[in-house]
Amino acid sequence: MTMFLITLALFLIVAAGMAVGYIFQQKTLAGSCGGLGSIGIDKACNCDNPCEKRQERERKAEQEKNQIDIKNI
């Protein structure tokens, strides 16, 4: 029983350490293998015609990307 408690305490300490590191870094979780982009898939869904909300988001993102910021000129 002592070995179980020591092992449980060790796992809890490691989990708490990872949680504290995650909170302080304030990053999103990311995989180590590169995800779908590493195998040539650009988007998560494979539908030919995305829904209207997604089309609107993509249109807004494209407009923001093409917009010139006059503050930095």
N, C-alpha and C. Protein backbone atom coordinates (compact mmCIF):
# COMPACT_ATOMS: atom_id res chain seq x y z
N MET A 1 0.82 -1.19 0.00
CA MET A 1 0.00 0.00 0.00
C MET A 1 0.87 1.26 0.00
N THR A 2 2.00 1.18 0.64
CA THR A 2 2.90 2.32 0.69
C THR A 2 3.42 2.67 -0.71
N MET A 3 3.74 1.65 -1.48
CA MET A 3 4.23 1.88 -2.84
C MET A 3 3.15 2.55 -3.70
N PHE A 4 1.89 2.13 -3.52
CA PHE A 4 0.79 2.75 -4.26
C PHE A 4 0.67 4.23 -3.91
N LEU A 5 0.72 4.57 -2.66
CA LEU A 5 0.59 5.96 -2.23
C LEU A 5 1.76 6.82 -2.73
N ILE A 6 2.95 6.26 -2.73
CA ILE A 6 4.12 6.99 -3.24
C ILE A 6 3.96 7.23 -4.74
N THR A 7 3.51 6.20 -5.47
CA THR A 7 3.31 6.33 -6.91
C THR A 7 2.21 7.34 -7.22
N LEU A 8 1.11 7.26 -6.48
CA LEU A 8 0.00 8.21 -6.67
C LEU A 8 0.47 9.64 -6.40
N ALA A 9 1.22 9.85 -5.35
CA ALA A 9 1.73 11.18 -5.02
C ALA A 9 2.65 11.69 -6.12
N LEU A 10 3.49 10.82 -6.66
CA LEU A 10 4.40 11.21 -7.73
C LEU A 10 3.62 11.64 -8.97
N PHE A 11 2.60 10.87 -9.34
CA PHE A 11 1.79 11.23 -10.50
C PHE A 11 1.04 12.55 -10.27
N LEU A 12 0.53 12.75 -9.07
CA LEU A 12 -0.17 14.00 -8.77
C LEU A 12 0.77 15.21 -8.83
N ILE A 13 2.00 15.03 -8.37
CA ILE A 13 2.99 16.11 -8.43
C ILE A 13 3.34 16.44 -9.87
N VAL A 14 3.52 15.42 -10.70
CA VAL A 14 3.84 15.63 -12.11
C VAL A 14 2.66 16.32 -12.82
N ALA A 15 1.44 15.87 -12.57
CA ALA A 15 0.26 16.47 -13.19
C ALA A 15 0.10 17.93 -12.75
N ALA A 16 0.32 18.21 -11.49
CA ALA A 16 0.23 19.59 -10.99
C ALA A 16 1.31 20.46 -11.63
N GLY A 17 2.50 19.92 -11.79
CA GLY A 17 3.57 20.67 -12.45
C GLY A 17 3.25 21.00 -13.89
N MET A 18 2.68 20.04 -14.61
CA MET A 18 2.30 20.30 -16.00
C MET A 18 1.18 21.32 -16.07
N ALA A 19 0.23 21.25 -15.13
CA ALA A 19 -0.88 22.21 -15.12
C ALA A 19 -0.37 23.62 -14.86
N VAL A 20 0.54 23.77 -13.92
CA VAL A 20 1.10 25.09 -13.62
C VAL A 20 1.87 25.62 -14.82
N GLY A 21 2.63 24.78 -15.48
CA GLY A 21 3.37 25.21 -16.68
C GLY A 21 2.44 25.63 -17.79
N TYR A 22 1.35 24.90 -17.97
CA TYR A 22 0.37 25.24 -19.00
C TYR A 22 -0.31 26.58 -18.68
N ILE A 23 -0.64 26.80 -17.44
CA ILE A 23 -1.31 28.04 -17.04
C ILE A 23 -0.39 29.24 -17.25
N PHE A 24 0.86 29.12 -16.89
CA PHE A 24 1.78 30.26 -17.02
C PHE A 24 2.17 30.54 -18.47
N GLN A 25 2.25 29.53 -19.33
CA GLN A 25 2.61 29.75 -20.72
C GLN A 25 1.46 30.33 -21.53
N GLN A 26 0.23 30.07 -21.13
CA GLN A 26 -0.97 30.55 -21.80
C GLN A 26 -0.96 30.25 -23.30
N LYS A 27 -0.60 29.04 -23.65
CA LYS A 27 -0.59 28.58 -25.02
C LYS A 27 -1.72 27.59 -25.22
N THR A 28 -2.14 27.42 -26.46
CA THR A 28 -3.10 26.37 -26.75
C THR A 28 -2.37 25.05 -26.85
N LEU A 29 -3.10 23.99 -26.62
CA LEU A 29 -2.49 22.67 -26.73
C LEU A 29 -2.19 22.37 -28.19
N ALA A 30 -1.06 21.78 -28.46
CA ALA A 30 -0.68 21.46 -29.83
C ALA A 30 -0.04 20.08 -29.86
N GLY A 31 -0.26 19.39 -30.93
CA GLY A 31 0.34 18.07 -31.10
C GLY A 31 1.80 18.17 -31.47
N SER A 32 2.51 17.11 -31.30
CA SER A 32 3.94 17.12 -31.60
C SER A 32 4.24 16.65 -33.02
N CYS A 33 3.23 16.12 -33.72
CA CYS A 33 3.50 15.55 -35.04
C CYS A 33 3.13 16.51 -36.18
N GLY A 34 2.60 17.67 -35.91
CA GLY A 34 2.28 18.62 -36.96
C GLY A 34 0.83 18.59 -37.40
N GLY A 35 0.07 17.63 -36.97
CA GLY A 35 -1.35 17.58 -37.27
C GLY A 35 -1.65 17.28 -38.72
N LEU A 36 -2.82 17.73 -39.17
CA LEU A 36 -3.27 17.44 -40.52
C LEU A 36 -2.43 18.15 -41.58
N GLY A 37 -1.84 19.28 -41.23
CA GLY A 37 -1.01 20.01 -42.19
C GLY A 37 0.20 19.22 -42.65
N SER A 38 0.68 18.32 -41.83
CA SER A 38 1.87 17.54 -42.20
C SER A 38 1.58 16.49 -43.26
N ILE A 39 0.29 16.14 -43.46
CA ILE A 39 -0.05 15.17 -44.49
C ILE A 39 -0.76 15.81 -45.67
N GLY A 40 -0.78 17.14 -45.71
CA GLY A 40 -1.29 17.85 -46.87
C GLY A 40 -2.75 18.24 -46.81
N ILE A 41 -3.39 18.14 -45.65
CA ILE A 41 -4.79 18.54 -45.53
C ILE A 41 -4.82 19.95 -44.94
N ASP A 42 -5.42 20.89 -45.69
CA ASP A 42 -5.42 22.29 -45.27
C ASP A 42 -6.50 22.61 -44.24
N LYS A 43 -7.58 21.89 -44.26
CA LYS A 43 -8.67 22.20 -43.33
C LYS A 43 -9.15 20.93 -42.65
N ALA A 44 -9.82 21.09 -41.53
CA ALA A 44 -10.24 19.94 -40.74
C ALA A 44 -11.41 19.21 -41.36
N CYS A 45 -12.28 19.92 -42.04
CA CYS A 45 -13.43 19.24 -42.65
C CYS A 45 -13.15 19.02 -44.13
N ASN A 46 -13.62 17.92 -44.66
CA ASN A 46 -13.39 17.60 -46.06
C ASN A 46 -14.61 17.88 -46.92
N CYS A 47 -15.52 18.71 -46.44
CA CYS A 47 -16.72 18.99 -47.22
C CYS A 47 -16.39 19.92 -48.39
N ASP A 48 -17.01 19.66 -49.54
CA ASP A 48 -16.76 20.47 -50.72
C ASP A 48 -17.35 21.86 -50.58
N ASN A 49 -18.48 21.97 -49.92
CA ASN A 49 -19.15 23.25 -49.76
C ASN A 49 -19.35 23.51 -48.26
N PRO A 50 -18.48 24.31 -47.63
CA PRO A 50 -18.60 24.56 -46.20
C PRO A 50 -19.89 25.32 -45.86
N CYS A 51 -20.27 25.28 -44.60
CA CYS A 51 -21.49 25.94 -44.16
C CYS A 51 -21.33 27.47 -44.27
N GLU A 52 -22.46 28.16 -44.15
CA GLU A 52 -22.45 29.62 -44.34
C GLU A 52 -21.61 30.33 -43.29
N LYS A 53 -21.64 29.86 -42.06
CA LYS A 53 -20.84 30.50 -41.00
C LYS A 53 -19.35 30.39 -41.31
N ARG A 54 -18.93 29.21 -41.78
CA ARG A 54 -17.51 29.04 -42.10
C ARG A 54 -17.12 29.89 -43.30
N GLN A 55 -18.00 29.97 -44.31
CA GLN A 55 -17.71 30.82 -45.46
C GLN A 55 -17.57 32.28 -45.04
N GLU A 56 -18.41 32.72 -44.12
CA GLU A 56 -18.34 34.10 -43.63
C GLU A 56 -17.03 34.34 -42.88
N ARG A 57 -16.64 33.38 -42.03
CA ARG A 57 -15.37 33.51 -41.31
C ARG A 57 -14.19 33.56 -42.27
N GLU A 58 -14.19 32.70 -43.28
CA GLU A 58 -13.10 32.69 -44.25
C GLU A 58 -13.06 33.98 -45.06
N ARG A 59 -14.24 34.52 -45.40
CA ARG A 59 -14.30 35.78 -46.14
C ARG A 59 -13.75 36.93 -45.30
N LYS A 60 -14.12 36.97 -44.01
CA LYS A 60 -13.61 38.03 -43.12
C LYS A 60 -12.10 37.90 -42.94
N ALA A 61 -11.61 36.67 -42.79
CA ALA A 61 -10.17 36.46 -42.62
C ALA A 61 -9.41 36.90 -43.87
N GLU A 62 -9.97 36.62 -45.03
CA GLU A 62 -9.33 37.03 -46.29
C GLU A 62 -9.31 38.55 -46.41
N GLN A 63 -10.39 39.21 -46.01
CA GLN A 63 -10.44 40.68 -46.07
C GLN A 63 -9.43 41.29 -45.12
N GLU A 64 -9.31 40.74 -43.92
CA GLU A 64 -8.36 41.26 -42.95
C GLU A 64 -6.92 41.04 -43.43
N LYS A 65 -6.69 39.94 -44.10
CA LYS A 65 -5.35 39.65 -44.60
C LYS A 65 -4.96 40.62 -45.72
N ASN A 66 -5.92 40.99 -46.54
CA ASN A 66 -5.65 41.88 -47.68
C ASN A 66 -5.73 43.37 -47.33
N GLN A 67 -6.17 43.66 -46.11
CA GLN A 67 -6.34 45.05 -45.70
C GLN A 67 -4.98 45.68 -45.34
N ILE A 68 -4.78 46.90 -45.75
CA ILE A 68 -3.53 47.60 -45.46
C ILE A 68 -3.71 48.40 -44.19
N ASP A 69 -2.78 48.26 -43.27
CA ASP A 69 -2.83 48.97 -42.00
C ASP A 69 -2.11 50.31 -42.18
N ILE A 70 -2.85 51.39 -42.17
CA ILE A 70 -2.25 52.70 -42.43
C ILE A 70 -1.49 53.24 -41.23
N LYS A 71 -1.67 52.62 -40.07
CA LYS A 71 -0.93 53.06 -38.88
C LYS A 71 0.56 52.78 -39.01
N ASN A 72 0.90 51.72 -39.74
CA ASN A 72 2.31 51.33 -39.84
C ASN A 72 3.00 51.91 -41.07
N ILE A 73 2.31 52.70 -41.84
CA ILE A 73 2.93 53.27 -43.05
C ILE A 73 3.70 54.51 -42.70
